[in-house]
Amino acid sequence: MSILMPTNAELTPDEVTQALHQLQEDSHNPEYAWTYQGNCYGAGSNLFFPERGASTKEAKAVCQGCVVREECLETALSHPEHWGIWGGLSERQRLRVRRRRAQARAASKSTAVTTSRP
């Protein structure tokens, strides 16, 4: 499951809350069971899905020290989450992580091909 929220979307707080509740309803799936353990559980969704240009410091502070921060971040990285704070990172920060990982995979493949030649 993925909550797709285009960056140019004008979402109401109710729409964001509804999307988060859907994620939590899917928590019977082990992939999303971690959502009930997050520091953000029960927090207002506006905090994690701020309007463009609004501060993300408060949301990121909630993520600090969260026991499921890695699961949250990995969920966002493995799904096309284009909006909001996930695992303490903004979409721009997650994009950087995705790029670094892709570069590392490409470098690893390149090294594997080079070292396997006779």
N, C-alpha and C. Protein backbone atom coordinates (compact mmCIF):
# COMPACT_ATOMS: atom_id res chain seq x y z
N MET A 1 0.83 -1.17 0.00
CA MET A 1 0.00 0.00 0.00
C MET A 1 0.88 1.23 0.00
N SER A 2 0.46 2.24 -0.70
CA SER A 2 1.20 3.48 -0.75
C SER A 2 0.25 4.64 -0.71
N ILE A 3 0.60 5.64 0.03
CA ILE A 3 -0.20 6.85 0.07
C ILE A 3 0.43 7.80 -0.93
N LEU A 4 -0.20 7.98 -2.05
CA LEU A 4 0.33 8.84 -3.09
C LEU A 4 -0.26 10.23 -2.91
N MET A 5 0.60 11.20 -2.68
CA MET A 5 0.16 12.57 -2.49
C MET A 5 1.06 13.46 -3.33
N PRO A 6 0.62 13.84 -4.51
CA PRO A 6 1.45 14.69 -5.36
C PRO A 6 1.81 15.98 -4.66
N THR A 7 3.01 16.47 -4.95
CA THR A 7 3.48 17.67 -4.26
C THR A 7 2.65 18.89 -4.60
N ASN A 8 1.94 18.88 -5.71
CA ASN A 8 1.14 20.04 -6.08
C ASN A 8 -0.31 19.90 -5.61
N ALA A 9 -0.61 18.85 -4.88
CA ALA A 9 -1.99 18.62 -4.43
C ALA A 9 -2.36 19.57 -3.32
N GLU A 10 -3.60 20.01 -3.35
CA GLU A 10 -4.16 20.81 -2.29
C GLU A 10 -5.02 19.87 -1.46
N LEU A 11 -4.44 19.25 -0.47
CA LEU A 11 -5.17 18.29 0.35
C LEU A 11 -5.68 18.96 1.61
N THR A 12 -6.86 18.59 1.98
CA THR A 12 -7.41 19.10 3.22
C THR A 12 -6.85 18.27 4.37
N PRO A 13 -6.84 18.80 5.57
CA PRO A 13 -6.39 18.00 6.71
C PRO A 13 -7.18 16.69 6.84
N ASP A 14 -8.46 16.73 6.52
CA ASP A 14 -9.28 15.52 6.61
C ASP A 14 -8.82 14.47 5.61
N GLU A 15 -8.43 14.88 4.40
CA GLU A 15 -7.95 13.93 3.40
C GLU A 15 -6.64 13.29 3.84
N VAL A 16 -5.76 14.08 4.43
CA VAL A 16 -4.49 13.55 4.91
C VAL A 16 -4.75 12.58 6.06
N THR A 17 -5.61 12.96 6.97
CA THR A 17 -5.95 12.09 8.11
C THR A 17 -6.56 10.79 7.62
N GLN A 18 -7.44 10.87 6.63
CA GLN A 18 -8.07 9.67 6.07
C GLN A 18 -7.01 8.74 5.48
N ALA A 19 -6.04 9.29 4.77
CA ALA A 19 -4.98 8.46 4.19
C ALA A 19 -4.16 7.79 5.27
N LEU A 20 -3.84 8.50 6.33
CA LEU A 20 -3.08 7.91 7.43
C LEU A 20 -3.88 6.83 8.14
N HIS A 21 -5.16 7.06 8.31
CA HIS A 21 -6.00 6.04 8.95
C HIS A 21 -6.06 4.79 8.09
N GLN A 22 -6.08 4.96 6.77
CA GLN A 22 -6.09 3.79 5.89
C GLN A 22 -4.81 2.98 6.08
N LEU A 23 -3.69 3.67 6.21
CA LEU A 23 -2.43 2.98 6.46
C LEU A 23 -2.51 2.21 7.77
N GLN A 24 -3.06 2.83 8.79
CA GLN A 24 -3.16 2.16 10.08
C GLN A 24 -4.15 1.01 10.05
N GLU A 25 -5.22 1.13 9.27
CA GLU A 25 -6.17 0.03 9.13
C GLU A 25 -5.52 -1.17 8.47
N ASP A 26 -4.56 -0.90 7.62
CA ASP A 26 -3.85 -1.98 6.94
C ASP A 26 -2.78 -2.60 7.83
N SER A 27 -2.75 -2.20 9.09
CA SER A 27 -1.68 -2.67 9.98
C SER A 27 -1.80 -4.15 10.31
N HIS A 28 -2.93 -4.79 9.96
CA HIS A 28 -2.99 -6.24 10.13
C HIS A 28 -1.97 -6.91 9.23
N ASN A 29 -1.57 -6.22 8.20
CA ASN A 29 -0.49 -6.67 7.33
C ASN A 29 0.81 -6.42 8.10
N PRO A 30 1.63 -7.42 8.32
CA PRO A 30 2.86 -7.23 9.09
C PRO A 30 3.75 -6.10 8.56
N GLU A 31 3.62 -5.80 7.29
CA GLU A 31 4.42 -4.71 6.72
C GLU A 31 4.11 -3.37 7.37
N TYR A 32 2.88 -3.20 7.90
CA TYR A 32 2.48 -1.92 8.48
C TYR A 32 2.19 -1.98 9.97
N ALA A 33 2.46 -3.10 10.62
CA ALA A 33 2.17 -3.23 12.04
C ALA A 33 2.96 -2.22 12.88
N TRP A 34 4.08 -1.78 12.38
CA TRP A 34 4.91 -0.83 13.11
C TRP A 34 4.22 0.52 13.34
N THR A 35 3.19 0.84 12.57
CA THR A 35 2.58 2.17 12.67
C THR A 35 2.02 2.48 14.05
N TYR A 36 1.58 1.43 14.76
CA TYR A 36 1.02 1.65 16.10
C TYR A 36 2.10 1.94 17.14
N GLN A 37 3.34 1.68 16.82
CA GLN A 37 4.43 1.88 17.78
C GLN A 37 5.15 3.21 17.60
N GLY A 38 4.82 3.92 16.54
CA GLY A 38 5.52 5.17 16.24
C GLY A 38 5.21 6.29 17.19
N ASN A 39 6.18 7.16 17.40
CA ASN A 39 5.96 8.36 18.21
C ASN A 39 4.84 9.21 17.63
N CYS A 40 4.61 9.07 16.33
CA CYS A 40 3.61 9.88 15.65
C CYS A 40 2.20 9.34 15.79
N TYR A 41 2.06 8.12 16.31
CA TYR A 41 0.73 7.51 16.41
C TYR A 41 -0.17 8.41 17.25
N GLY A 42 -1.28 8.82 16.66
CA GLY A 42 -2.23 9.68 17.36
C GLY A 42 -1.94 11.16 17.20
N ALA A 43 -0.77 11.50 16.67
CA ALA A 43 -0.45 12.91 16.45
C ALA A 43 -1.22 13.41 15.24
N GLY A 44 -1.44 14.68 15.19
CA GLY A 44 -2.14 15.27 14.06
C GLY A 44 -1.35 15.12 12.76
N SER A 45 -2.04 14.74 11.71
CA SER A 45 -1.37 14.51 10.43
C SER A 45 -0.82 15.78 9.82
N ASN A 46 -1.38 16.93 10.16
CA ASN A 46 -0.87 18.19 9.61
C ASN A 46 0.58 18.41 9.97
N LEU A 47 0.99 17.87 11.09
CA LEU A 47 2.37 18.01 11.53
C LEU A 47 3.32 17.32 10.55
N PHE A 48 2.93 16.17 10.02
CA PHE A 48 3.79 15.38 9.14
C PHE A 48 3.55 15.65 7.66
N PHE A 49 2.49 16.37 7.37
CA PHE A 49 2.17 16.74 6.00
C PHE A 49 1.90 18.25 5.95
N PRO A 50 2.95 19.04 6.23
CA PRO A 50 2.76 20.49 6.30
C PRO A 50 2.53 21.09 4.91
N GLU A 51 1.97 22.27 4.91
CA GLU A 51 1.80 22.99 3.65
C GLU A 51 3.18 23.33 3.10
N ARG A 52 3.24 23.49 1.79
CA ARG A 52 4.50 23.82 1.14
C ARG A 52 5.10 25.07 1.79
N GLY A 53 6.36 24.96 2.15
CA GLY A 53 7.08 26.08 2.74
C GLY A 53 6.99 26.16 4.26
N ALA A 54 6.10 25.37 4.85
CA ALA A 54 5.96 25.38 6.31
C ALA A 54 7.11 24.59 6.93
N SER A 55 7.39 24.87 8.17
CA SER A 55 8.48 24.21 8.88
C SER A 55 8.19 22.72 9.09
N THR A 56 9.25 21.94 9.01
CA THR A 56 9.14 20.49 9.26
C THR A 56 9.90 20.11 10.54
N LYS A 57 10.42 21.10 11.24
CA LYS A 57 11.24 20.83 12.42
C LYS A 57 10.49 20.06 13.50
N GLU A 58 9.25 20.43 13.75
CA GLU A 58 8.49 19.75 14.81
C GLU A 58 8.26 18.28 14.46
N ALA A 59 7.90 18.02 13.21
CA ALA A 59 7.67 16.63 12.78
C ALA A 59 8.95 15.83 12.90
N LYS A 60 10.05 16.39 12.45
CA LYS A 60 11.33 15.68 12.51
C LYS A 60 11.74 15.44 13.95
N ALA A 61 11.39 16.36 14.85
CA ALA A 61 11.71 16.18 16.26
C ALA A 61 10.93 15.00 16.85
N VAL A 62 9.69 14.82 16.41
CA VAL A 62 8.88 13.68 16.87
C VAL A 62 9.56 12.37 16.43
N CYS A 63 10.15 12.40 15.25
CA CYS A 63 10.79 11.19 14.70
C CYS A 63 12.09 10.83 15.42
N GLN A 64 12.75 11.80 16.01
CA GLN A 64 14.01 11.53 16.70
C GLN A 64 13.77 10.56 17.83
N GLY A 65 14.54 9.51 17.88
CA GLY A 65 14.43 8.53 18.95
C GLY A 65 13.25 7.58 18.83
N CYS A 66 12.50 7.67 17.74
CA CYS A 66 11.35 6.78 17.55
C CYS A 66 11.86 5.36 17.29
N VAL A 67 11.23 4.40 17.94
CA VAL A 67 11.68 3.01 17.82
C VAL A 67 11.40 2.41 16.45
N VAL A 68 10.50 3.01 15.68
CA VAL A 68 10.18 2.48 14.35
C VAL A 68 10.59 3.44 13.23
N ARG A 69 11.51 4.31 13.54
CA ARG A 69 11.95 5.30 12.55
C ARG A 69 12.48 4.63 11.28
N GLU A 70 13.29 3.59 11.43
CA GLU A 70 13.85 2.91 10.26
C GLU A 70 12.77 2.26 9.42
N GLU A 71 11.80 1.59 10.06
CA GLU A 71 10.70 0.97 9.32
C GLU A 71 9.92 2.01 8.55
N CYS A 72 9.67 3.13 9.19
CA CYS A 72 8.92 4.21 8.57
C CYS A 72 9.68 4.75 7.34
N LEU A 73 10.96 5.00 7.52
CA LEU A 73 11.77 5.50 6.42
C LEU A 73 11.84 4.49 5.28
N GLU A 74 12.06 3.22 5.61
CA GLU A 74 12.15 2.20 4.57
C GLU A 74 10.83 2.04 3.82
N THR A 75 9.71 2.20 4.53
CA THR A 75 8.41 2.15 3.86
C THR A 75 8.31 3.26 2.83
N ALA A 76 8.70 4.45 3.22
CA ALA A 76 8.65 5.58 2.29
C ALA A 76 9.63 5.42 1.13
N LEU A 77 10.79 4.83 1.40
CA LEU A 77 11.78 4.65 0.35
C LEU A 77 11.39 3.54 -0.62
N SER A 78 10.67 2.54 -0.13
CA SER A 78 10.30 1.43 -1.00
C SER A 78 8.98 1.65 -1.72
N HIS A 79 8.27 2.69 -1.37
CA HIS A 79 7.02 3.07 -2.02
C HIS A 79 7.19 4.50 -2.54
N PRO A 80 6.45 4.88 -3.52
CA PRO A 80 6.60 6.25 -4.04
C PRO A 80 5.91 7.30 -3.18
N GLU A 81 6.40 7.47 -1.96
CA GLU A 81 5.85 8.49 -1.06
C GLU A 81 6.45 9.84 -1.46
N HIS A 82 5.63 10.69 -2.01
CA HIS A 82 6.12 11.96 -2.55
C HIS A 82 5.78 13.16 -1.67
N TRP A 83 5.30 12.91 -0.50
CA TRP A 83 4.87 14.03 0.31
C TRP A 83 4.99 13.68 1.77
N GLY A 84 5.31 14.64 2.58
CA GLY A 84 5.32 14.45 4.02
C GLY A 84 6.65 14.02 4.59
N ILE A 85 6.67 13.95 5.91
CA ILE A 85 7.84 13.52 6.67
C ILE A 85 7.66 12.06 7.02
N TRP A 86 8.61 11.25 6.60
CA TRP A 86 8.60 9.81 6.87
C TRP A 86 9.97 9.44 7.42
N GLY A 87 10.01 8.81 8.57
CA GLY A 87 11.28 8.41 9.16
C GLY A 87 12.19 9.59 9.44
N GLY A 88 11.61 10.74 9.64
CA GLY A 88 12.39 11.94 9.96
C GLY A 88 12.95 12.66 8.75
N LEU A 89 12.61 12.22 7.55
CA LEU A 89 13.15 12.86 6.34
C LEU A 89 12.05 13.41 5.45
N SER A 90 12.35 14.52 4.81
CA SER A 90 11.43 15.10 3.83
C SER A 90 11.58 14.36 2.51
N GLU A 91 10.70 14.63 1.57
CA GLU A 91 10.81 13.98 0.26
C GLU A 91 12.14 14.32 -0.40
N ARG A 92 12.59 15.55 -0.30
CA ARG A 92 13.88 15.93 -0.89
C ARG A 92 15.02 15.11 -0.28
N GLN A 93 14.97 14.95 1.03
CA GLN A 93 16.01 14.15 1.70
C GLN A 93 15.90 12.68 1.32
N ARG A 94 14.68 12.17 1.20
CA ARG A 94 14.50 10.77 0.78
C ARG A 94 14.98 10.57 -0.66
N LEU A 95 14.77 11.55 -1.50
CA LEU A 95 15.26 11.47 -2.88
C LEU A 95 16.78 11.34 -2.90
N ARG A 96 17.46 12.09 -2.04
CA ARG A 96 18.92 11.98 -1.95
C ARG A 96 19.35 10.58 -1.52
N VAL A 97 18.63 10.01 -0.55
CA VAL A 97 18.94 8.66 -0.09
C VAL A 97 18.74 7.67 -1.24
N ARG A 98 17.63 7.80 -1.96
CA ARG A 98 17.38 6.91 -3.10
C ARG A 98 18.50 7.01 -4.13
N ARG A 99 18.93 8.22 -4.42
CA ARG A 99 20.01 8.42 -5.41
C ARG A 99 21.31 7.80 -4.94
N ARG A 100 21.66 8.01 -3.66
CA ARG A 100 22.90 7.42 -3.13
C ARG A 100 22.84 5.90 -3.20
N ARG A 101 21.70 5.34 -2.85
CA ARG A 101 21.56 3.88 -2.90
C ARG A 101 21.68 3.37 -4.34
N ALA A 102 21.07 4.08 -5.27
CA ALA A 102 21.15 3.67 -6.68
C ALA A 102 22.59 3.75 -7.16
N GLN A 103 23.30 4.80 -6.78
CA GLN A 103 24.71 4.94 -7.17
C GLN A 103 25.54 3.81 -6.56
N ALA A 104 25.28 3.48 -5.31
CA ALA A 104 26.02 2.41 -4.65
C ALA A 104 25.75 1.07 -5.33
N ARG A 105 24.48 0.82 -5.70
CA ARG A 105 24.15 -0.43 -6.41
C ARG A 105 24.86 -0.47 -7.76
N ALA A 106 24.86 0.65 -8.48
CA ALA A 106 25.52 0.70 -9.79
C ALA A 106 27.02 0.47 -9.64
N ALA A 107 27.62 1.08 -8.63
CA ALA A 107 29.05 0.90 -8.39
C ALA A 107 29.36 -0.54 -8.01
N SER A 108 28.49 -1.15 -7.21
CA SER A 108 28.67 -2.54 -6.80
C SER A 108 28.58 -3.48 -8.00
N LYS A 109 27.62 -3.24 -8.88
CA LYS A 109 27.49 -4.05 -10.09
C LYS A 109 28.70 -3.88 -10.99
N SER A 110 29.16 -2.66 -11.11
CA SER A 110 30.32 -2.37 -11.95
C SER A 110 31.56 -3.08 -11.40
N THR A 111 31.74 -3.05 -10.10
CA THR A 111 32.88 -3.72 -9.46
C THR A 111 32.75 -5.22 -9.64
N ALA A 112 31.56 -5.76 -9.49
CA ALA A 112 31.34 -7.20 -9.65
C ALA A 112 31.68 -7.65 -11.06
N VAL A 113 31.30 -6.88 -12.06
CA VAL A 113 31.59 -7.22 -13.45
C VAL A 113 33.09 -7.14 -13.71
N THR A 114 33.73 -6.10 -13.19
CA THR A 114 35.18 -5.90 -13.39
C THR A 114 35.98 -7.01 -12.74
N THR A 115 35.62 -7.39 -11.53
CA THR A 115 36.39 -8.41 -10.81
C THR A 115 36.10 -9.82 -11.31
N SER A 116 35.01 -10.04 -12.02
CA SER A 116 34.67 -11.39 -12.47
C SER A 116 35.27 -11.70 -13.85
N ARG A 117 35.86 -10.71 -14.49
CA ARG A 117 36.46 -10.96 -15.80
C ARG A 117 37.77 -11.72 -15.65
N PRO A 118 38.05 -12.64 -16.61
CA PRO A 118 39.30 -13.43 -16.53
C PRO A 118 40.53 -12.61 -16.82
